[in-house]
Amino acid sequence: MQIVLDSYGTSLSRQNHIFEVCTKDGKKKRVPPEKVSSILISKGIVLSSDALLLALENQIDVIFTGRSGKPLGRIWNGKFGSIATIRKKQLLFAQSPQGAIWIAQWIQRKMKNQLALIYQLLYGTWIEDSLPSQRKIQTITQNIAKIDAFVSQPIPSNWQATLRGWEGTSSAYYFNLLSSALPAQFQFQERSRPAKDLFNCLLNYLYGILYGKVEETLIKVGIDPYIGIFHAEEYAKPVLTYDFIEPYRTWADTVALRLCLAQAVEVLNHFQPIPQNKGLGIWLNSEGKKVVIQTFNDYLEEIISQNSLLRSRNTHLFLDAQAFAQTLLKFETTNNQQLTTNN
């Protein structure tokens, strides 16, 4: 389970070998560390050093998040989950044609997941089966096919820009189609950060939770989240997390859709405007976060079939990261396999 602390004045302490969560009004809950996968902490939470040490002793990530849910920092025991050879190979792989092919197929997997979600909405009559909708779906399908051709040829020096073009066009059409499936109060014009509308508010928070989970998983299998392939390197930014998260974004999209279609989130009770001194936009309030976090955690624990394995989505994410770590470990390069990147 994941402990989420986002109510002002809540404290986290240690009683013997047990976590104790105490709310501002004095309600207490004790949780044994073996049941905790990670701890998410927002502003205004009181922590004891003993609780943090208990987390470190049990290899539990403590993640500090902003109001949007995106991780701002983490406390972990500083140990990667495997040998350093993986990270040595990771540097070479990131600049090789094999790395470009891997990321192209990873982006293609994201696009296929997006297309599958659109078809679910189309067949469920949430999306109108009109000529404009069919054209957008056709463009996404064509871009998926372009990647098949792309990986079968020598990789060009401008490969990242090419992929960004296909991915960007497909995503724009995808989100346009998603919006058309939503109830009127949740429809939106475009992706926005900070959120200008209710649906983007949900997505930003869900993506934030997912960023933390993906980064944690990469570290656990011995991969350095700061050595990216597709996203441009940035100071103190875990850019491989931004690469690796791509095919899993539809998990967050699906939960946001379900919440809106079921009217499980309420405009007046679960959202609030960002204070004027902190910019323009919309945030989830504490009650909204509780609904979103619980729904997303339940979704990630659902058992699904992937690669003929019935596992939870959380487990499939870990297995995918583990498989990627093995790909890196087995990677071999020659002197003529370096790519010129255009980050």
Protein backbone atom coordinates (compact mmCIF):
# COMPACT_ATOMS: atom_id res chain seq x y z
CA MET A 1 0.00 0.00 0.00
CA GLN A 2 0.97 3.64 -0.39
CA ILE A 3 0.74 6.08 2.51
CA VAL A 4 -0.41 9.49 1.24
CA LEU A 5 -0.06 12.43 3.63
CA ASP A 6 -1.59 15.62 2.21
CA SER A 7 -3.76 17.07 5.01
CA TYR A 8 -2.17 20.07 6.75
CA GLY A 9 -1.03 19.27 10.29
CA THR A 10 -0.85 15.49 9.83
CA SER A 11 2.18 13.85 11.41
CA LEU A 12 4.14 10.69 10.69
CA SER A 13 6.06 9.10 13.55
CA ARG A 14 7.39 5.73 14.66
CA GLN A 15 6.08 3.60 17.50
CA ASN A 16 8.47 0.69 18.04
CA HIS A 17 8.66 -0.83 14.53
CA ILE A 18 5.35 0.59 13.25
CA PHE A 19 4.48 3.80 11.36
CA GLU A 20 1.94 5.97 13.17
CA VAL A 21 -0.08 8.54 11.24
CA CYS A 22 -1.83 11.17 13.36
CA THR A 23 -4.25 13.70 11.85
CA LYS A 24 -4.65 17.28 13.05
CA ASP A 25 -7.78 16.31 15.04
CA GLY A 26 -5.94 13.52 16.87
CA LYS A 27 -7.08 10.43 14.92
CA LYS A 28 -4.32 7.82 14.76
CA LYS A 29 -3.58 4.91 12.45
CA ARG A 30 -0.70 2.46 12.69
CA VAL A 31 0.76 0.71 9.64
CA PRO A 32 3.50 -1.97 9.67
CA PRO A 33 6.36 -1.15 7.23
CA GLU A 34 6.08 -4.50 5.41
CA LYS A 35 2.69 -3.34 4.09
CA VAL A 36 4.03 -0.02 2.74
CA SER A 37 5.47 0.40 -0.77
CA SER A 38 6.03 4.17 -0.66
CA ILE A 39 5.09 7.31 1.27
CA LEU A 40 3.87 10.47 -0.49
CA ILE A 41 4.17 13.73 1.45
CA SER A 42 2.73 17.16 0.62
CA LYS A 43 3.26 20.55 2.25
CA GLY A 44 2.39 21.03 5.93
CA ILE A 45 3.21 17.50 7.18
CA VAL A 46 5.18 16.90 10.40
CA LEU A 47 7.77 14.10 10.15
CA SER A 48 9.97 12.44 12.75
CA SER A 49 13.50 11.33 11.94
CA ASP A 50 12.66 7.94 13.45
CA ALA A 51 9.86 7.46 10.89
CA LEU A 52 12.22 8.38 8.06
CA LEU A 53 14.83 5.95 9.36
CA LEU A 54 12.20 3.20 9.55
CA ALA A 55 11.40 3.88 5.89
CA LEU A 56 15.07 3.72 4.93
CA GLU A 57 15.60 0.50 6.88
CA ASN A 58 12.76 -1.11 4.94
CA GLN A 59 13.71 0.36 1.51
CA ILE A 60 10.52 2.43 1.39
CA ASP A 61 10.69 5.52 -0.82
CA VAL A 62 9.57 8.79 0.79
CA ILE A 63 8.46 11.13 -1.99
CA PHE A 64 7.76 14.84 -1.54
CA THR A 65 5.17 16.20 -3.98
CA GLY A 66 3.88 19.57 -5.09
CA ARG A 67 0.22 20.55 -5.27
CA SER A 68 -0.01 19.08 -8.78
CA GLY A 69 1.13 15.68 -7.47
CA LYS A 70 4.46 15.80 -9.33
CA PRO A 71 7.46 14.64 -7.27
CA LEU A 72 9.78 17.42 -6.07
CA GLY A 73 12.25 15.16 -4.30
CA ARG A 74 12.66 11.85 -2.55
CA ILE A 75 14.44 10.19 0.33
CA TRP A 76 15.69 6.67 -0.35
CA ASN A 77 18.50 4.49 0.92
CA GLY A 78 20.79 5.46 -1.95
CA LYS A 79 21.20 1.93 -3.25
CA PHE A 80 20.29 0.99 -6.80
CA GLY A 81 18.60 -2.38 -7.11
CA SER A 82 21.31 -4.04 -9.20
CA ILE A 83 24.95 -3.90 -10.29
CA ALA A 84 26.55 -0.75 -11.75
CA THR A 85 27.14 -2.53 -15.09
CA ILE A 86 23.55 -1.69 -16.01
CA ARG A 87 24.18 2.05 -15.66
CA LYS A 88 27.51 1.84 -17.51
CA LYS A 89 25.76 0.14 -20.43
CA GLN A 90 22.90 2.64 -20.14
CA LEU A 91 25.20 5.52 -21.15
CA LEU A 92 26.28 3.66 -24.31
CA PHE A 93 22.75 2.46 -25.13
CA ALA A 94 21.35 6.01 -24.90
CA GLN A 95 23.62 7.13 -27.75
CA SER A 96 23.29 4.08 -29.97
CA PRO A 97 20.97 3.17 -32.87
CA GLN A 98 19.54 0.44 -30.65
CA GLY A 99 18.54 3.12 -28.14
CA ALA A 100 16.78 5.11 -30.86
CA ILE A 101 14.96 1.97 -32.03
CA TRP A 102 13.94 1.09 -28.48
CA ILE A 103 12.49 4.55 -27.82
CA ALA A 104 10.71 4.58 -31.19
CA GLN A 105 9.00 1.29 -30.37
CA TRP A 106 8.28 2.55 -26.83
CA ILE A 107 6.55 5.65 -28.28
CA GLN A 108 4.72 3.38 -30.71
CA ARG A 109 3.46 1.32 -27.77
CA LYS A 110 2.10 4.51 -26.22
CA MET A 111 0.32 5.41 -29.47
CA LYS A 112 -1.17 1.90 -29.72
CA ASN A 113 -2.46 2.22 -26.15
CA GLN A 114 -3.97 5.59 -27.00
CA LEU A 115 -5.64 4.13 -30.09
CA ALA A 116 -7.02 1.20 -28.07
CA LEU A 117 -8.59 3.59 -25.56
CA ILE A 118 -10.12 5.66 -28.37
CA TYR A 119 -11.67 2.52 -29.91
CA GLN A 120 -13.14 1.57 -26.53
CA LEU A 121 -14.80 4.98 -26.34
CA LEU A 122 -15.90 4.79 -29.98
CA TYR A 123 -17.48 1.36 -29.61
CA GLY A 124 -19.05 2.45 -26.33
CA THR A 125 -20.64 5.38 -28.22
CA TRP A 126 -18.84 7.93 -26.05
CA ILE A 127 -17.20 9.27 -29.21
CA GLU A 128 -19.27 10.14 -32.27
CA ASP A 129 -18.40 7.95 -35.26
CA SER A 130 -18.05 10.92 -37.61
CA LEU A 131 -15.76 11.68 -40.55
CA PRO A 132 -13.54 14.07 -38.49
CA SER A 133 -13.14 11.39 -35.81
CA GLN A 134 -12.27 8.74 -38.39
CA ARG A 135 -9.66 11.04 -39.96
CA LYS A 136 -7.97 11.61 -36.61
CA ILE A 137 -7.97 7.89 -35.88
CA GLN A 138 -6.56 7.23 -39.35
CA THR A 139 -3.71 9.70 -38.75
CA ILE A 140 -2.78 8.01 -35.46
CA THR A 141 -2.87 4.61 -37.20
CA GLN A 142 -0.65 5.91 -40.02
CA ASN A 143 1.89 7.32 -37.55
CA ILE A 144 2.06 3.94 -35.82
CA ALA A 145 2.83 2.35 -39.21
CA LYS A 146 5.49 5.00 -39.94
CA ILE A 147 7.41 3.88 -36.87
CA ASP A 148 7.52 0.31 -38.23
CA ALA A 149 9.20 1.66 -41.36
CA PHE A 150 11.41 3.99 -39.30
CA VAL A 151 13.02 1.19 -37.25
CA SER A 152 13.67 -0.98 -40.31
CA GLN A 153 15.98 1.62 -41.92
CA PRO A 154 19.24 3.33 -40.90
CA ILE A 155 18.52 5.81 -38.09
CA PRO A 156 18.84 9.46 -39.29
CA SER A 157 20.61 12.12 -37.22
CA ASN A 158 17.33 14.03 -36.75
CA TRP A 159 15.47 10.96 -35.46
CA GLN A 160 14.22 12.67 -32.29
CA ALA A 161 12.56 15.52 -34.19
CA THR A 162 10.92 13.02 -36.54
CA LEU A 163 9.49 11.01 -33.66
CA ARG A 164 8.34 14.15 -31.85
CA GLY A 165 6.43 15.20 -34.96
CA TRP A 166 4.51 11.92 -35.22
CA GLU A 167 3.99 11.64 -31.48
CA GLY A 168 2.89 15.27 -31.14
CA THR A 169 0.32 15.08 -33.94
CA SER A 170 -1.06 11.78 -32.66
CA SER A 171 -1.33 13.07 -29.09
CA ALA A 172 -3.11 16.26 -30.18
CA TYR A 173 -5.74 14.21 -32.05
CA TYR A 174 -5.96 11.71 -29.20
CA PHE A 175 -6.72 14.38 -26.58
CA ASN A 176 -9.18 16.07 -28.90
CA LEU A 177 -11.06 12.78 -29.19
CA LEU A 178 -10.90 12.22 -25.42
CA SER A 179 -12.41 15.63 -24.82
CA SER A 180 -15.32 14.87 -27.13
CA ALA A 181 -16.18 11.81 -25.01
CA LEU A 182 -16.44 13.78 -21.76
CA PRO A 183 -19.46 15.42 -20.13
CA ALA A 184 -19.64 19.12 -21.06
CA GLN A 185 -18.19 20.44 -17.79
CA PHE A 186 -15.02 18.34 -18.22
CA GLN A 187 -14.29 19.02 -21.90
CA PHE A 188 -11.07 20.87 -22.71
CA GLN A 189 -9.28 22.56 -25.60
CA GLU A 190 -5.72 21.29 -25.11
CA ARG A 191 -3.26 19.88 -22.59
CA SER A 192 -2.26 22.54 -20.07
CA ARG A 193 0.21 22.78 -17.17
CA PRO A 194 -0.82 24.30 -14.84
CA ALA A 195 -4.34 23.11 -15.52
CA LYS A 196 -6.76 25.54 -17.13
CA ASP A 197 -9.67 23.11 -16.83
CA LEU A 198 -10.95 20.28 -14.65
CA PHE A 199 -9.81 17.35 -16.81
CA ASN A 200 -6.25 18.66 -17.12
CA CYS A 201 -6.25 19.17 -13.36
CA LEU A 202 -7.04 15.47 -12.91
CA LEU A 203 -4.48 14.39 -15.53
CA ASN A 204 -1.68 16.52 -14.08
CA TYR A 205 -2.21 15.06 -10.61
CA LEU A 206 -2.45 11.47 -11.91
CA TYR A 207 0.66 11.91 -14.06
CA GLY A 208 2.46 13.29 -11.01
CA ILE A 209 1.68 10.13 -9.04
CA LEU A 210 2.76 8.01 -12.01
CA TYR A 211 6.07 9.91 -12.39
CA GLY A 212 6.96 9.02 -8.81
CA LYS A 213 6.03 5.38 -9.28
CA VAL A 214 8.01 5.03 -12.54
CA GLU A 215 11.12 6.69 -11.10
CA GLU A 216 10.96 4.47 -8.02
CA THR A 217 10.63 1.36 -10.21
CA LEU A 218 13.62 2.29 -12.39
CA ILE A 219 15.81 2.77 -9.32
CA LYS A 220 14.69 -0.57 -7.87
CA VAL A 221 15.81 -2.47 -10.97
CA GLY A 222 19.17 -0.67 -11.11
CA ILE A 223 18.50 1.92 -13.85
CA ASP A 224 19.55 5.57 -13.50
CA PRO A 225 16.45 7.74 -14.13
CA TYR A 226 18.65 10.75 -15.01
CA ILE A 227 20.21 9.23 -18.16
CA GLY A 228 17.57 9.78 -20.84
CA ILE A 229 17.29 8.81 -24.50
CA PHE A 230 14.45 10.82 -26.01
CA HIS A 231 13.79 13.76 -23.70
CA ALA A 232 16.41 16.49 -23.62
CA GLU A 233 18.78 16.36 -20.67
CA GLU A 234 17.97 18.91 -17.98
CA TYR A 235 19.79 19.76 -14.77
CA ALA A 236 18.43 17.69 -11.85
CA LYS A 237 15.60 16.23 -13.98
CA PRO A 238 14.97 12.45 -14.16
CA VAL A 239 14.58 12.50 -17.94
CA LEU A 240 14.55 8.73 -18.40
CA THR A 241 11.44 8.74 -16.20
CA TYR A 242 9.83 11.00 -18.82
CA ASP A 243 10.87 8.49 -21.51
CA PHE A 244 9.80 5.37 -19.67
CA ILE A 245 6.41 6.68 -18.52
CA GLU A 246 5.06 7.13 -22.05
CA PRO A 247 3.10 3.87 -22.64
CA TYR A 248 1.67 4.02 -19.11
CA ARG A 249 0.15 7.48 -19.48
CA THR A 250 -3.07 5.89 -20.75
CA TRP A 251 -3.48 4.36 -17.27
CA ALA A 252 -3.83 7.86 -15.86
CA ASP A 253 -5.98 8.93 -18.83
CA THR A 254 -8.33 5.99 -18.24
CA VAL A 255 -8.77 6.77 -14.54
CA ALA A 256 -9.43 10.44 -15.29
CA LEU A 257 -12.02 9.42 -17.88
CA ARG A 258 -13.75 7.00 -15.53
CA LEU A 259 -13.93 9.61 -12.78
CA CYS A 260 -15.49 12.14 -15.14
CA LEU A 261 -17.87 9.77 -16.92
CA ALA A 262 -19.12 8.43 -13.58
CA GLN A 263 -19.36 11.98 -12.16
CA ALA A 264 -17.22 10.72 -9.28
CA VAL A 265 -15.45 14.08 -9.06
CA GLU A 266 -17.53 17.19 -8.39
CA VAL A 267 -16.82 20.68 -9.62
CA LEU A 268 -17.75 22.41 -6.35
CA ASN A 269 -16.43 19.84 -3.85
CA HIS A 270 -13.18 18.51 -5.34
CA PHE A 271 -11.50 21.42 -7.16
CA GLN A 272 -10.26 24.89 -6.24
CA PRO A 273 -8.62 27.78 -8.12
CA ILE A 274 -4.89 28.26 -7.68
CA PRO A 275 -4.29 31.30 -5.41
CA GLN A 276 -3.57 34.44 -7.44
CA ASN A 277 -0.09 34.82 -5.97
CA LYS A 278 0.83 31.36 -7.31
CA GLY A 279 -0.43 31.71 -10.87
CA LEU A 280 -3.60 30.94 -12.75
CA GLY A 281 -5.17 27.53 -12.95
CA ILE A 282 -6.98 24.82 -11.02
CA TRP A 283 -5.90 22.45 -8.25
CA LEU A 284 -7.50 19.41 -6.66
CA ASN A 285 -8.42 20.07 -3.04
CA SER A 286 -7.81 17.53 -0.24
CA GLU A 287 -11.13 15.76 -0.77
CA GLY A 288 -10.52 15.56 -4.51
CA LYS A 289 -7.06 14.09 -3.97
CA LYS A 290 -8.46 11.36 -1.73
CA VAL A 291 -10.92 10.29 -4.45
CA VAL A 292 -8.27 10.35 -7.18
CA ILE A 293 -5.54 8.58 -5.19
CA GLN A 294 -7.82 5.78 -4.02
CA THR A 295 -9.26 5.24 -7.51
CA PHE A 296 -5.82 5.21 -9.13
CA ASN A 297 -4.32 2.85 -6.54
CA ASP A 298 -7.24 0.45 -7.01
CA TYR A 299 -6.77 0.63 -10.79
CA LEU A 300 -3.05 -0.12 -10.53
CA GLU A 301 -3.78 -3.19 -8.43
CA GLU A 302 -6.29 -4.60 -10.94
CA ILE A 303 -5.13 -7.88 -12.53
CA ILE A 304 -4.66 -7.67 -16.30
CA SER A 305 -3.11 -9.89 -18.95
CA GLN A 306 0.13 -8.77 -20.59
CA ASN A 307 2.59 -11.01 -22.41
CA SER A 308 0.40 -13.97 -21.38
CA LEU A 309 0.91 -13.10 -17.70
CA LEU A 310 -1.93 -12.26 -15.32
CA ARG A 311 -0.52 -9.64 -12.95
CA SER A 312 -1.45 -6.29 -11.44
CA ARG A 313 -0.56 -3.19 -13.43
CA ASN A 314 1.98 -2.32 -10.73
CA THR A 315 3.67 -5.69 -11.26
CA HIS A 316 3.62 -5.34 -15.06
CA LEU A 317 5.36 -1.96 -14.71
CA PHE A 318 8.06 -3.57 -12.57
CA LEU A 319 8.47 -6.49 -14.99
CA ASP A 320 8.79 -4.08 -17.95
CA ALA A 321 11.49 -2.13 -16.10
CA GLN A 322 13.23 -5.36 -15.19
CA ALA A 323 13.19 -6.47 -18.84
CA PHE A 324 14.65 -3.11 -19.90
CA ALA A 325 17.41 -3.49 -17.28
CA GLN A 326 18.26 -6.87 -18.83
CA THR A 327 18.33 -5.27 -22.29
CA LEU A 328 20.86 -2.75 -21.00
CA LEU A 329 22.91 -5.40 -19.23
CA LYS A 330 23.21 -7.47 -22.41
CA PHE A 331 23.87 -4.47 -24.67
CA GLU A 332 27.08 -4.52 -26.71
CA THR A 333 28.34 -1.74 -28.94
CA THR A 334 31.05 -1.14 -31.52
CA ASN A 335 32.94 2.03 -32.40
CA ASN A 336 30.70 2.84 -35.38
CA GLN A 337 27.43 2.57 -33.48
CA GLN A 338 27.35 6.03 -31.94
CA LEU A 339 24.49 8.35 -32.87
CA THR A 340 24.59 12.12 -33.19
CA THR A 341 21.77 13.40 -30.98
CA ASN A 342 19.97 16.69 -31.41
CA ASN A 343 18.81 17.33 -27.85
